[in-house]
Amino acid sequence: MMDETFSNVAMQHILREAEAATDAPAGASSRLKSRIFSQLIELEQQQGPLRVLSAIRAAGEKLCIFETAVAALPSDDLQSRNACAVCHARILGERVERAPIFWPGCPYATFCGH
């Protein structure tokens, strides 16, 4: 189960460390950051269900528009699944450098510099 120590803050720290370890002066590409994020979430899901979205929102974390819709559902099972796995923002983020993703709370938009 995803706990507080492995939150978006922890993932952002891992991405900063990966960026610092590269030789590229501009840092890691948004495509690489997006793929790393997707892989981290996939690995976390293999260990068990993710945190419930309504609990994440209650803790003050931002949710994207799609996660907000899923968080309104009364099912903890649905809320603990990775909404990004079926979102076109993930596909754009992983395949297009600086993809045009503008949804507040979307980690892929953050990686793309929006």
Protein backbone atom coordinates (compact mmCIF):
# COMPACT_ATOMS: atom_id res chain seq x y z
CA MET A 1 0.00 0.00 0.00
CA MET A 2 1.34 3.42 -0.89
CA ASP A 3 2.18 5.33 2.30
CA GLU A 4 3.05 8.93 3.08
CA THR A 5 6.80 8.31 2.70
CA PHE A 6 6.40 7.33 -0.95
CA SER A 7 4.27 10.23 -2.11
CA ASN A 8 4.57 12.65 -4.98
CA VAL A 9 7.18 14.51 -2.92
CA ALA A 10 9.34 11.38 -2.76
CA MET A 11 8.90 10.76 -6.48
CA GLN A 12 9.86 14.35 -7.26
CA HIS A 13 13.00 13.88 -5.14
CA ILE A 14 13.90 10.71 -7.08
CA LEU A 15 13.43 12.58 -10.36
CA ARG A 16 15.65 15.47 -9.16
CA GLU A 17 18.34 12.95 -8.21
CA ALA A 18 18.08 11.26 -11.62
CA GLU A 19 18.27 14.64 -13.29
CA ALA A 20 21.39 15.56 -11.30
CA ALA A 21 23.04 12.26 -12.26
CA THR A 22 22.75 12.88 -16.00
CA ASP A 23 25.43 14.58 -18.05
CA ALA A 24 22.90 16.66 -19.96
CA PRO A 25 23.25 20.31 -18.88
CA ALA A 26 19.50 20.96 -19.19
CA GLY A 27 18.62 17.94 -17.03
CA ALA A 28 16.43 15.01 -17.83
CA SER A 29 13.93 15.33 -20.64
CA SER A 30 10.24 15.55 -19.85
CA ARG A 31 9.78 12.25 -21.69
CA LEU A 32 12.30 10.53 -19.41
CA LYS A 33 10.71 12.04 -16.29
CA SER A 34 7.29 10.85 -17.45
CA ARG A 35 8.54 7.32 -18.09
CA ILE A 36 10.27 7.20 -14.68
CA PHE A 37 7.07 8.35 -12.97
CA SER A 38 5.00 5.74 -14.82
CA GLN A 39 7.44 2.99 -13.86
CA LEU A 40 7.48 4.05 -10.20
CA ILE A 41 3.69 3.92 -10.05
CA GLU A 42 3.65 0.55 -11.79
CA LEU A 43 6.18 -0.84 -9.30
CA GLU A 44 4.14 0.52 -6.41
CA GLN A 45 0.97 -1.12 -7.78
CA GLN A 46 2.75 -4.47 -7.93
CA GLN A 47 3.22 -4.24 -4.16
CA GLY A 48 -0.46 -3.57 -3.48
CA PRO A 49 -3.21 -1.03 -3.98
CA LEU A 50 -2.35 2.65 -4.17
CA ARG A 51 -3.64 5.18 -1.66
CA VAL A 52 -7.33 6.05 -2.04
CA LEU A 53 -7.70 9.27 -4.08
CA SER A 54 -10.15 10.88 -1.66
CA ALA A 55 -7.60 10.40 1.14
CA ILE A 56 -4.88 11.94 -1.03
CA ARG A 57 -7.09 14.96 -1.70
CA ALA A 58 -7.98 15.22 2.02
CA ALA A 59 -4.23 15.31 2.79
CA GLY A 60 -3.94 18.43 0.63
CA GLU A 61 -2.36 16.84 -2.44
CA LYS A 62 -3.47 18.04 -5.87
CA LEU A 63 -5.43 15.73 -8.14
CA CYS A 64 -5.87 16.10 -11.87
CA ILE A 65 -9.33 16.48 -13.39
CA PHE A 66 -9.67 12.73 -14.02
CA GLU A 67 -8.47 11.75 -10.54
CA THR A 68 -10.96 14.24 -9.08
CA ALA A 69 -13.78 12.50 -10.96
CA VAL A 70 -12.62 9.07 -9.75
CA ALA A 71 -12.25 10.40 -6.19
CA ALA A 72 -15.99 11.19 -6.22
CA LEU A 73 -16.82 7.50 -6.68
CA PRO A 74 -17.84 5.62 -3.52
CA SER A 75 -15.54 2.66 -4.28
CA ASP A 76 -12.16 2.54 -2.51
CA ASP A 77 -11.16 -0.21 -4.94
CA LEU A 78 -11.62 2.09 -7.95
CA GLN A 79 -10.05 5.03 -6.13
CA SER A 80 -6.90 3.01 -5.38
CA ARG A 81 -6.19 2.27 -9.04
CA ASN A 82 -3.86 4.32 -11.22
CA ALA A 83 -6.04 6.69 -13.24
CA CYS A 84 -2.95 7.76 -15.21
CA ALA A 85 -2.73 4.28 -16.76
CA VAL A 86 -5.73 5.07 -18.96
CA CYS A 87 -5.11 8.81 -19.44
CA HIS A 88 -3.90 10.22 -22.74
CA ALA A 89 -1.71 12.71 -20.81
CA ARG A 90 0.56 9.80 -19.80
CA ILE A 91 0.90 8.70 -23.42
CA LEU A 92 1.70 12.26 -24.55
CA GLY A 93 4.10 12.81 -21.65
CA GLU A 94 6.04 9.64 -22.40
CA ARG A 95 6.26 10.20 -26.16
CA VAL A 96 6.29 13.96 -26.82
CA GLU A 97 8.94 16.27 -25.40
CA ARG A 98 7.27 19.16 -23.54
CA ALA A 99 3.83 17.81 -24.44
CA PRO A 100 0.93 20.29 -24.39
CA ILE A 101 -0.73 19.08 -21.17
CA PHE A 102 -2.31 21.85 -19.11
CA TRP A 103 -4.40 20.15 -16.40
CA PRO A 104 -3.62 21.40 -12.90
CA GLY A 105 -2.52 18.55 -10.66
CA CYS A 106 -1.34 16.33 -13.52
CA PRO A 107 2.20 15.06 -12.81
CA TYR A 108 2.87 14.72 -16.54
CA ALA A 109 2.04 18.42 -17.04
CA THR A 110 4.52 19.22 -14.26
CA PHE A 111 7.25 17.17 -15.96
CA CYS A 112 6.54 18.96 -19.25
CA GLY A 113 7.10 22.34 -17.64
CA HIS A 114 3.48 23.53 -17.48
